[in-house]
Every structure is written in structure tokens, then in C-alpha cells.
Amino acid sequence: MANIYIISAPSGTGKSSLIENLIAKDSAIRKSISVTTRQPRLGEQNGQHYVFTNEEDFQTRLKNGEFLEYARVHGNLYGTSKNLVDKELEKENDLILEIDYQGAQTVRDHYPLSISIFILPPNKALLRSRLEKRNTDDIATIEQRLEAASNEISHISEYQYVIINDNFDTALEDLVAIIRTSRLAAQNQETESIITDFLKGN
């Protein structure tokens, strides 16, 4: 049975890098590609990192009911395609949804067995430093992202697992461990049926 993994984190926490490295290690897991109205960053490719579109097209897709969840974040719209999620689950591929707490709430309503993980920065000062070193935002935007981070973190109790990304390699090991644990839990359900098969009639 395929699992849905919800991964949320404040901007600048390193969740995208963690997800990329996880997928490189595990060929059985996929990442849902979100549709967004924001402009591509340096190195980002359409259809690989995001599906980049404009506000008008996004609103049309929204009216057509194409999104499992959507949210406006830092002035830009992001949405998860229902069709993409259904296709991956039909293939029995584990699927990562890189979404914020609002999207996570909606996905849990549709998929109650989804596994939710929150990536936490070690402290606010380090998060500010990481945002500044990216050189992608002005000071006002960085302050906006830090304020949004506080709001995101206030919802951390809604998540099953929390990983502190202080050391990247350790955080990645923790993420891999969560994936393995969830798969073992699913395997235990299969184990029960095997045991029942062996013991029936004894």
C-alpha cells in the first residue's frame, strides 16, 4: 500500500534539499510537483521542480476543481494536482507532498492515513541567516518569511513527526528512518494475514 508523506517547514529550513536527497536514495518514492504562480528561481525547471503558470491559468484550474489543496503563500499561489496524486497512488508509489500547514490540513481530511512531518530550524537567528545567504529576497521579504515561519511553527502539534535540521546529514537520516518505520508498520499489517493463514485450522 502506498503512503502519502506530508512535509512542511518554514521557508529556508532546507526541506527541499532534504526531499531531493531522500528521493536520490529511495527510488520507490516520488514528489508531487506543485503548480505555482511564482517566478522560477535560478536552476529551477518547469515540470521538474514546479509547474509554473500565471494567476489567470491557476484560477481557471481552481474553478475546474483540479486541485486537491491550494494556498497563497508570500503572495503566490501553490496547488497540488488531484490527478497527479491519484496516478502515483494507483502505481503504488509512495508520494511526498511538500505543502504548508493549510494544505496539510486539507490533505489529512482526504487521506487520513497520510504521514505528516515538520522540518524545524534550530533557531530563529539561524533561519534568518539562511534566508539572507540565499540572496533571493530583499529585507522586507525576509521579515515576511520569518513572520510566516512563526505562524507555521504554531501548527507543529498537528504533525506526527518533527525533525530539527541543525545538521543536514543527521536530519536526512531521521527522514529516512521515518519512511522506513512507516513501511514497516504497513508490513506488520501484512504479517498479521500471514500469521492467520499459518494458524488457521490448528
Protein backbone atom coordinates (compact mmCIF):
# COMPACT_ATOMS: atom_id res chain seq x y z
CA MET A 1 0.00 0.00 0.00
CA ALA A 2 1.39 3.39 -0.99
CA ASN A 3 1.90 6.10 1.62
CA ILE A 4 1.42 9.85 1.36
CA TYR A 5 4.05 11.85 3.23
CA ILE A 6 3.22 15.46 4.04
CA ILE A 7 6.38 17.51 4.61
CA SER A 8 6.08 21.09 5.84
CA ALA A 9 8.63 23.64 7.02
CA PRO A 10 9.25 27.37 7.10
CA SER A 11 10.97 28.79 4.02
CA GLY A 12 14.75 28.45 4.32
CA THR A 13 14.70 25.42 6.62
CA GLY A 14 16.16 23.12 3.96
CA LYS A 15 13.19 20.86 3.32
CA SER A 16 13.59 20.89 -0.47
CA SER A 17 17.22 19.75 -0.20
CA LEU A 18 16.23 17.03 2.27
CA ILE A 19 13.49 15.80 -0.06
CA GLU A 20 15.82 15.80 -3.08
CA ASN A 21 18.42 13.76 -1.21
CA LEU A 22 15.77 11.36 0.12
CA ILE A 23 14.45 10.70 -3.40
CA ALA A 24 18.02 10.15 -4.64
CA LYS A 25 18.39 7.43 -2.00
CA ASP A 26 14.96 5.84 -2.47
CA SER A 27 13.65 5.04 -5.95
CA ALA A 28 10.27 3.94 -4.57
CA ILE A 29 9.25 7.42 -3.53
CA ARG A 30 8.06 10.33 -5.69
CA LYS A 31 7.49 14.03 -5.08
CA SER A 32 4.28 15.71 -6.11
CA ILE A 33 5.05 18.63 -8.42
CA SER A 34 3.05 21.66 -7.34
CA VAL A 35 1.54 24.23 -9.67
CA THR A 36 2.61 27.77 -8.73
CA THR A 37 2.26 31.35 -9.90
CA ARG A 38 5.67 32.40 -8.55
CA GLN A 39 8.61 33.04 -10.84
CA PRO A 40 11.23 30.27 -11.23
CA ARG A 41 14.40 30.64 -9.18
CA LEU A 42 17.83 30.12 -10.68
CA GLY A 43 18.20 26.49 -11.79
CA GLU A 44 14.52 25.58 -11.44
CA GLN A 45 12.92 23.89 -14.44
CA ASN A 46 9.25 23.84 -15.40
CA GLY A 47 7.74 20.40 -14.88
CA GLN A 48 10.64 19.21 -12.75
CA HIS A 49 10.62 21.47 -9.72
CA TYR A 50 7.22 23.12 -10.22
CA VAL A 51 4.65 23.67 -12.92
CA PHE A 52 4.98 27.43 -13.38
CA THR A 53 1.91 29.32 -14.53
CA ASN A 54 0.19 32.68 -14.19
CA GLU A 55 -2.62 33.85 -11.94
CA GLU A 56 -5.31 33.58 -14.64
CA ASP A 57 -4.45 29.99 -15.55
CA PHE A 58 -4.23 29.00 -11.88
CA GLN A 59 -7.68 30.46 -11.16
CA THR A 60 -9.10 28.58 -14.16
CA ARG A 61 -7.65 25.31 -12.87
CA LEU A 62 -9.05 26.09 -9.44
CA LYS A 63 -12.55 26.67 -10.81
CA ASN A 64 -12.29 23.38 -12.70
CA GLY A 65 -11.61 21.55 -9.43
CA GLU A 66 -8.13 20.37 -10.43
CA PHE A 67 -6.50 20.93 -7.03
CA LEU A 68 -6.50 18.66 -4.00
CA GLU A 69 -5.36 21.66 -1.97
CA TYR A 70 -4.08 25.14 -2.65
CA ALA A 71 -2.82 28.15 -0.72
CA ARG A 72 -1.48 31.63 -1.26
CA VAL A 73 2.00 31.89 0.27
CA HIS A 74 4.06 35.11 0.23
CA GLY A 75 1.74 36.49 -2.45
CA ASN A 76 1.98 33.47 -4.76
CA LEU A 77 -0.47 30.63 -5.33
CA TYR A 78 0.53 26.97 -4.92
CA GLY A 79 -1.67 23.96 -5.67
CA THR A 80 -1.47 20.15 -5.60
CA SER A 81 -2.94 18.35 -8.62
CA LYS A 82 -5.58 15.73 -7.74
CA ASN A 83 -4.81 13.88 -10.96
CA LEU A 84 -1.09 13.57 -10.21
CA VAL A 85 -1.72 12.26 -6.68
CA ASP A 86 -4.25 9.69 -7.89
CA LYS A 87 -1.92 8.47 -10.66
CA GLU A 88 1.00 7.92 -8.30
CA LEU A 89 -1.15 6.12 -5.75
CA GLU A 90 -2.56 3.87 -8.49
CA LYS A 91 1.03 2.93 -9.35
CA GLU A 92 1.55 2.21 -5.63
CA ASN A 93 4.32 4.79 -5.43
CA ASP A 94 4.91 6.49 -2.10
CA LEU A 95 4.32 10.20 -2.61
CA ILE A 96 5.73 13.29 -0.90
CA LEU A 97 3.59 16.43 -0.73
CA GLU A 98 5.74 19.48 0.06
CA ILE A 99 2.99 21.77 1.35
CA ASP A 100 2.26 24.20 4.17
CA TYR A 101 0.11 23.57 7.24
CA GLN A 102 -3.07 24.75 5.48
CA GLY A 103 -2.61 22.25 2.67
CA ALA A 104 -1.67 19.58 5.19
CA GLN A 105 -4.99 20.04 6.97
CA THR A 106 -6.90 19.56 3.70
CA VAL A 107 -4.88 16.51 2.64
CA ARG A 108 -5.43 14.85 6.03
CA ASP A 109 -9.18 15.27 5.51
CA HIS A 110 -8.95 13.39 2.17
CA TYR A 111 -6.23 10.92 3.21
CA PRO A 112 -6.47 10.30 6.99
CA LEU A 113 -3.65 7.73 6.90
CA SER A 114 -1.14 10.20 5.44
CA ILE A 115 2.06 10.66 7.45
CA SER A 116 2.97 14.24 8.37
CA ILE A 117 6.49 15.51 9.06
CA PHE A 118 7.55 19.00 10.10
CA ILE A 119 11.11 20.22 9.46
CA LEU A 120 12.15 22.69 12.16
CA PRO A 121 15.10 25.12 12.05
CA PRO A 122 17.31 25.03 15.17
CA ASN A 123 16.55 28.66 16.00
CA LYS A 124 15.23 31.90 14.51
CA ALA A 125 18.65 33.55 14.15
CA LEU A 126 19.98 30.68 12.03
CA LEU A 127 16.86 30.70 9.88
CA ARG A 128 17.33 34.42 9.26
CA SER A 129 20.97 33.79 8.32
CA ARG A 130 19.98 31.05 5.85
CA LEU A 131 17.39 33.29 4.21
CA GLU A 132 19.90 36.11 3.87
CA LYS A 133 22.55 33.82 2.37
CA ARG A 134 20.16 32.65 -0.35
CA ASN A 135 20.30 36.14 -1.87
CA THR A 136 16.86 35.69 -3.41
CA ASP A 137 14.81 38.07 -1.22
CA ASP A 138 15.03 41.67 -0.04
CA ILE A 139 14.95 42.56 3.67
CA ALA A 140 11.18 43.16 3.70
CA THR A 141 10.52 39.73 2.16
CA ILE A 142 12.85 38.05 4.65
CA GLU A 143 10.94 39.66 7.52
CA GLN A 144 7.70 38.44 5.93
CA ARG A 145 9.10 34.90 5.70
CA LEU A 146 10.19 34.96 9.36
CA GLU A 147 6.73 36.10 10.44
CA ALA A 148 5.20 33.32 8.33
CA ALA A 149 7.64 30.86 9.94
CA SER A 150 6.26 31.69 13.39
CA ASN A 151 2.74 31.04 12.10
CA GLU A 152 3.78 27.72 10.52
CA ILE A 153 5.53 26.58 13.69
CA SER A 154 2.44 27.36 15.79
CA HIS A 155 0.78 24.40 14.00
CA ILE A 156 3.57 21.92 14.73
CA SER A 157 1.39 19.88 17.12
CA GLU A 158 -0.70 18.81 14.11
CA TYR A 159 2.24 16.76 12.79
CA GLN A 160 3.24 13.21 13.74
CA TYR A 161 6.99 13.74 13.43
CA VAL A 162 9.35 16.69 13.89
CA ILE A 163 12.91 16.81 12.52
CA ILE A 164 15.30 19.57 13.61
CA ASN A 165 17.53 20.45 10.67
CA ASP A 166 20.61 21.53 12.59
CA ASN A 167 22.93 19.04 10.93
CA PHE A 168 21.85 18.16 7.38
CA ASP A 169 23.16 14.57 7.33
CA THR A 170 21.50 13.78 10.67
CA ALA A 171 18.23 15.34 9.55
CA LEU A 172 18.33 13.25 6.37
CA GLU A 173 18.95 10.08 8.40
CA ASP A 174 15.94 10.96 10.56
CA LEU A 175 13.78 11.45 7.47
CA VAL A 176 14.90 8.09 6.01
CA ALA A 177 14.14 6.44 9.37
CA ILE A 178 10.58 7.81 9.37
CA ILE A 179 9.97 6.43 5.88
CA ARG A 180 11.31 3.01 6.90
CA THR A 181 9.21 3.00 10.07
CA SER A 182 6.00 3.75 8.17
CA ARG A 183 6.74 0.99 5.67
CA LEU A 184 7.39 -1.49 8.49
CA ALA A 185 4.03 -0.53 10.02
CA ALA A 186 2.34 -1.37 6.71
CA GLN A 187 4.33 -4.60 6.54
CA ASN A 188 3.11 -5.55 10.02
CA GLN A 189 -0.46 -5.44 8.69
CA GLU A 190 0.56 -7.96 6.02
CA THR A 191 2.29 -10.02 8.70
CA GLU A 192 -0.99 -10.46 10.55
CA SER A 193 -2.63 -12.01 7.50
CA ILE A 194 0.33 -14.36 7.02
CA ILE A 195 0.18 -15.48 10.64
CA THR A 196 -3.57 -16.04 10.37
CA ASP A 197 -3.01 -18.16 7.24
CA PHE A 198 -0.50 -20.38 9.04
CA LEU A 199 -2.50 -20.76 12.23
CA LYS A 200 -5.99 -21.36 10.84
CA GLY A 201 -7.16 -24.86 11.39
CA ASN A 202 -4.52 -25.60 14.06
